[in-house]
C-alpha atoms as a PDB file:
ATOM      1  CA  MET A   1      26.816  24.113 -12.395  1.00  0.00           C
ATOM      2  CA  ASN A   2      24.367  25.341 -15.029  1.00  0.00           C
ATOM      3  CA  ALA A   3      20.741  25.320 -13.895  1.00  0.00           C
ATOM      4  CA  LEU A   4      19.547  24.583 -17.451  1.00  0.00           C
ATOM      5  CA  ASP A   5      21.969  21.733 -18.122  1.00  0.00           C
ATOM      6  CA  PRO A   6      19.965  18.503 -18.618  1.00  0.00           C
ATOM      7  CA  ARG A   7      22.450  16.550 -16.488  1.00  0.00           C
ATOM      8  CA  THR A   8      21.912  18.985 -13.629  1.00  0.00           C
ATOM      9  CA  ILE A   9      18.151  18.668 -13.945  1.00  0.00           C
ATOM     10  CA  LEU A  10      17.938  14.888 -14.360  1.00  0.00           C
ATOM     11  CA  LEU A  11      20.737  13.781 -12.062  1.00  0.00           C
ATOM     12  CA  ALA A  12      20.204  16.006  -9.032  1.00  0.00           C
ATOM     13  CA  LYS A  13      19.823  13.816  -5.962  1.00  0.00           C
ATOM     14  CA  HIS A  14      16.223  14.791  -5.165  1.00  0.00           C
ATOM     15  CA  ALA A  15      15.109  17.172  -7.909  1.00  0.00           C
ATOM     16  CA  GLN A  16      12.745  14.755  -9.616  1.00  0.00           C
ATOM     17  CA  HIS A  17      10.688  14.222  -6.476  1.00  0.00           C
ATOM     18  CA  VAL A  18      10.491  17.946  -5.776  1.00  0.00           C
ATOM     19  CA  VAL A  19       9.249  18.611  -9.312  1.00  0.00           C
ATOM     20  CA  LEU A  20       6.909  15.632  -9.745  1.00  0.00           C
ATOM     21  CA  VAL A  21       5.143  15.993  -6.398  1.00  0.00           C
ATOM     22  CA  HIS A  22       3.188  18.998  -7.638  1.00  0.00           C
ATOM     23  CA  PHE A  23       1.212  16.958 -10.195  1.00  0.00           C
ATOM     24  CA  PRO A  24      -0.778  14.736  -7.811  1.00  0.00           C
ATOM     25  CA  ILE A  25      -1.240  17.612  -5.361  1.00  0.00           C
ATOM     26  CA  ALA A  26      -2.701  19.927  -7.991  1.00  0.00           C
ATOM     27  CA  ALA A  27      -4.751  17.234  -9.725  1.00  0.00           C
ATOM     28  CA  PHE A  28      -6.211  15.947  -6.445  1.00  0.00           C
ATOM     29  CA  ILE A  29      -7.159  19.342  -5.043  1.00  0.00           C
ATOM     30  CA  THR A  30      -8.653  20.325  -8.403  1.00  0.00           C
ATOM     31  CA  ALA A  31     -10.579  17.038  -8.536  1.00  0.00           C
ATOM     32  CA  VAL A  32     -12.014  17.615  -5.071  1.00  0.00           C
ATOM     33  CA  GLY A  33     -13.089  21.105  -6.134  1.00  0.00           C
ATOM     34  CA  PHE A  34     -14.733  19.694  -9.252  1.00  0.00           C
ATOM     35  CA  ASP A  35     -16.425  16.956  -7.217  1.00  0.00           C
ATOM     36  CA  CYS A  36     -17.867  19.496  -4.786  1.00  0.00           C
ATOM     37  CA  ALA A  37     -19.041  21.632  -7.711  1.00  0.00           C
ATOM     38  CA  ALA A  38     -20.581  18.573  -9.394  1.00  0.00           C
ATOM     39  CA  GLN A  39     -22.365  17.660  -6.167  1.00  0.00           C
ATOM     40  CA  TRP A  40     -23.722  21.187  -5.887  1.00  0.00           C
ATOM     41  CA  THR A  41     -24.699  21.741  -9.554  1.00  0.00           C
ATOM     42  CA  ARG A  42     -25.521  18.131 -10.548  1.00  0.00           C
ATOM     43  CA  GLN A  43     -23.537  18.617 -13.777  1.00  0.00           C
ATOM     44  CA  SER A  44     -22.232  15.361 -15.250  1.00  0.00           C
ATOM     45  CA  LEU A  45     -19.430  17.109 -17.171  1.00  0.00           C
ATOM     46  CA  ILE A  46     -18.031  18.553 -13.949  1.00  0.00           C
ATOM     47  CA  ALA A  47     -18.261  15.098 -12.365  1.00  0.00           C
ATOM     48  CA  ALA A  48     -16.333  13.695 -15.339  1.00  0.00           C
ATOM     49  CA  ALA A  49     -13.667  16.375 -14.878  1.00  0.00           C
ATOM     50  CA  ALA A  50     -13.406  15.353 -11.214  1.00  0.00           C
ATOM     51  CA  TYR A  51     -12.988  11.693 -12.178  1.00  0.00           C
ATOM     52  CA  PHE A  52     -10.271  12.334 -14.751  1.00  0.00           C
ATOM     53  CA  ASN A  53      -8.375  14.643 -12.392  1.00  0.00           C
ATOM     54  CA  LEU A  54      -8.531  11.898  -9.763  1.00  0.00           C
ATOM     55  CA  LEU A  55      -7.234   9.432 -12.343  1.00  0.00           C
ATOM     56  CA  VAL A  56      -4.267  11.700 -13.140  1.00  0.00           C
ATOM     57  CA  ALA A  57      -3.624  12.277  -9.437  1.00  0.00           C
ATOM     58  CA  ALA A  58      -3.706   8.547  -8.631  1.00  0.00           C
ATOM     59  CA  ALA A  59      -1.476   7.620 -11.568  1.00  0.00           C
ATOM     60  CA  SER A  60       1.040  10.346 -10.786  1.00  0.00           C
ATOM     61  CA  THR A  61       1.486   9.162  -7.200  1.00  0.00           C
ATOM     62  CA  VAL A  62       3.478   6.177  -8.499  1.00  0.00           C
ATOM     63  CA  PRO A  63       6.488   8.154  -9.808  1.00  0.00           C
ATOM     64  CA  VAL A  64       6.279  10.523  -6.839  1.00  0.00           C
ATOM     65  CA  ILE A  65       6.585   7.645  -4.370  1.00  0.00           C
ATOM     66  CA  GLY A  66       9.365   6.105  -6.445  1.00  0.00           C
ATOM     67  CA  THR A  67      11.388   9.309  -6.649  1.00  0.00           C
ATOM     68  CA  GLY A  68      10.850  10.008  -2.944  1.00  0.00           C
ATOM     69  CA  LEU A  69      12.182   6.583  -2.006  1.00  0.00           C
ATOM     70  CA  ALA A  70      15.045   6.989  -4.484  1.00  0.00           C
ATOM     71  CA  ALA A  71      15.935  10.371  -2.980  1.00  0.00           C
ATOM     72  CA  TRP A  72      15.999   8.787   0.465  1.00  0.00           C
ATOM     73  CA  GLN A  73      18.316   6.036  -0.730  1.00  0.00           C
ATOM     74  CA  TRP A  74      20.501   8.325  -2.822  1.00  0.00           C
ATOM     75  CA  ALA A  75      20.753  11.451  -0.676  1.00  0.00           C
ATOM     76  CA  LEU A  76      20.684   9.782   2.745  1.00  0.00           C
ATOM     77  CA  GLU A  77      22.228   6.471   1.677  1.00  0.00           C
ATOM     78  CA  GLY A  78      19.306   4.558   3.203  1.00  0.00           C
ATOM     79  CA  GLN A  79      19.848   5.786   6.745  1.00  0.00           C
ATOM     80  CA  PRO A  80      16.893   5.244   9.095  1.00  0.00           C
ATOM     81  CA  LEU A  81      14.434   8.105   8.890  1.00  0.00           C
ATOM     82  CA  LYS A  82      13.520  10.158  11.922  1.00  0.00           C
ATOM     83  CA  GLY A  83      11.730  13.353  12.821  1.00  0.00           C
ATOM     84  CA  VAL A  84      10.188  15.473  10.091  1.00  0.00           C
ATOM     85  CA  LEU A  85      11.473  13.230   7.295  1.00  0.00           C
ATOM     86  CA  LEU A  86       9.816  10.159   8.811  1.00  0.00           C
ATOM     87  CA  LEU A  87       6.568  12.073   9.330  1.00  0.00           C
ATOM     88  CA  HIS A  88       6.766  13.279   5.709  1.00  0.00           C
ATOM     89  CA  LEU A  89       7.115   9.670   4.533  1.00  0.00           C
ATOM     90  CA  VAL A  90       4.181   8.485   6.661  1.00  0.00           C
ATOM     91  CA  LEU A  91       1.932  11.365   5.588  1.00  0.00           C
ATOM     92  CA  GLY A  92       3.049  10.981   1.950  1.00  0.00           C
ATOM     93  CA  THR A  93       2.019   7.345   2.032  1.00  0.00           C
ATOM     94  CA  ALA A  94      -1.305   8.289   3.640  1.00  0.00           C
ATOM     95  CA  SER A  95      -1.801  10.992   0.987  1.00  0.00           C
ATOM     96  CA  SER A  96      -1.288   8.436  -1.769  1.00  0.00           C
ATOM     97  CA  VAL A  97      -3.774   6.084  -0.112  1.00  0.00           C
ATOM     98  CA  PHE A  98      -6.413   8.830   0.129  1.00  0.00           C
ATOM     99  CA  ILE A  99      -5.838   9.886  -3.484  1.00  0.00           C
ATOM    100  CA  VAL A 100      -6.110   6.331  -4.816  1.00  0.00           C
ATOM    101  CA  LEU A 101      -9.085   5.594  -2.536  1.00  0.00           C
ATOM    102  CA  SER A 102     -10.904   8.690  -3.822  1.00  0.00           C
ATOM    103  CA  TRP A 103     -10.248   7.649  -7.420  1.00  0.00           C
ATOM    104  CA  TRP A 104     -11.362   4.072  -6.660  1.00  0.00           C
ATOM    105  CA  ILE A 105     -14.666   5.264  -5.182  1.00  0.00           C
ATOM    106  CA  HIS A 106     -15.376   7.239  -8.367  1.00  0.00           C
ATOM    107  CA  TRP A 107     -14.157   4.390 -10.613  1.00  0.00           C
ATOM    108  CA  ARG A 108     -16.478   1.902  -8.911  1.00  0.00           C
ATOM    109  CA  ARG A 109     -19.424   4.256  -9.362  1.00  0.00           C
ATOM    110  CA  ARG A 110     -18.670   4.715 -13.066  1.00  0.00           C
ATOM    111  CA  ARG A 111     -18.517   0.948 -13.604  1.00  0.00           C
ATOM    112  CA  SER A 112     -21.819   0.225 -11.851  1.00  0.00           C
ATOM    113  CA  ALA A 113     -23.669   3.438 -12.747  1.00  0.00           C
ATOM    114  CA  ALA A 114     -24.689   3.712  -9.095  1.00  0.00           C
ATOM    115  CA  PRO A 115     -24.798   7.099  -7.395  1.00  0.00           C
ATOM    116  CA  LEU A 116     -21.658   8.272  -5.643  1.00  0.00           C
ATOM    117  CA  PRO A 117     -21.692   7.570  -1.913  1.00  0.00           C
ATOM    118  CA  ALA A 118     -21.950  10.599   0.352  1.00  0.00           C
ATOM    119  CA  HIS A 119     -18.952   9.515   2.431  1.00  0.00           C
ATOM    120  CA  ARG A 120     -16.630  10.201  -0.508  1.00  0.00           C
ATOM    121  CA  LEU A 121     -16.692  13.926   0.299  1.00  0.00           C
ATOM    122  CA  ALA A 122     -15.401  13.174   3.803  1.00  0.00           C
ATOM    123  CA  VAL A 123     -12.680  10.919   2.369  1.00  0.00           C
ATOM    124  CA  GLU A 124     -11.702  13.659  -0.091  1.00  0.00           C
ATOM    125  CA  ALA A 125     -11.721  16.373   2.607  1.00  0.00           C
ATOM    126  CA  ILE A 126      -9.487  14.316   4.883  1.00  0.00           C
ATOM    127  CA  GLY A 127      -7.299  13.590   1.857  1.00  0.00           C
ATOM    128  CA  VAL A 128      -6.877  17.301   1.127  1.00  0.00           C
ATOM    129  CA  ILE A 129      -5.874  17.930   4.750  1.00  0.00           C
ATOM    130  CA  VAL A 130      -3.336  15.087   4.714  1.00  0.00           C
ATOM    131  CA  VAL A 131      -1.955  16.254   1.344  1.00  0.00           C
ATOM    132  CA  ALA A 132      -1.609  19.803   2.701  1.00  0.00           C
ATOM    133  CA  LEU A 133       0.243  18.585   5.801  1.00  0.00           C
ATOM    134  CA  THR A 134       2.512  16.418   3.672  1.00  0.00           C
ATOM    135  CA  GLY A 135       3.260  19.326   1.353  1.00  0.00           C
ATOM    136  CA  HIS A 136       3.970  21.610   4.292  1.00  0.00           C
ATOM    137  CA  LEU A 137       6.489  19.145   5.706  1.00  0.00           C
ATOM    138  CA  GLY A 138       8.027  18.770   2.254  1.00  0.00           C
ATOM    139  CA  GLY A 139       8.442  22.522   2.121  1.00  0.00           C
ATOM    140  CA  VAL A 140      10.127  22.460   5.520  1.00  0.00           C
ATOM    141  CA  LEU A 141      12.497  19.733   4.322  1.00  0.00           C
ATOM    142  CA  ALA A 142      13.313  21.599   1.094  1.00  0.00           C
ATOM    143  CA  GLY A 143      14.046  24.764   3.034  1.00  0.00           C
ATOM    144  CA  VAL A 144      11.220  26.713   1.429  1.00  0.00           C
ATOM    145  CA  ILE A 145       9.367  27.199   4.706  1.00  0.00           C
END
């Protein structure tokens, strides 16, 4: 098995999920950092960077969810989930909801030109915690931790 062979990369039973999951994690955490900085400095360019990072994070959750479900079906042949894997699925779904909800809050504000609600920072903070827990469990499942 050659690690650089395209068939090895594209057809591994769970490799796509393991690779793709880093995009929404990084984009979301970066967006939250930008949003906090924009709140603090009142800079519209930083707020725009936060919005577009949230957009990338929300959009990239779709293939991550798809590849996670495909890995479950392919690697485990659709067996019922239990333990850490079930918790990873539940927290992964919650992470996606928080990411999309954070993007939606910003999207609504951009459409109406209204100020961003203060509760968005709490939603984003909880989202970062849930994403971190999900990533930790993913690391446990991959054998990294």
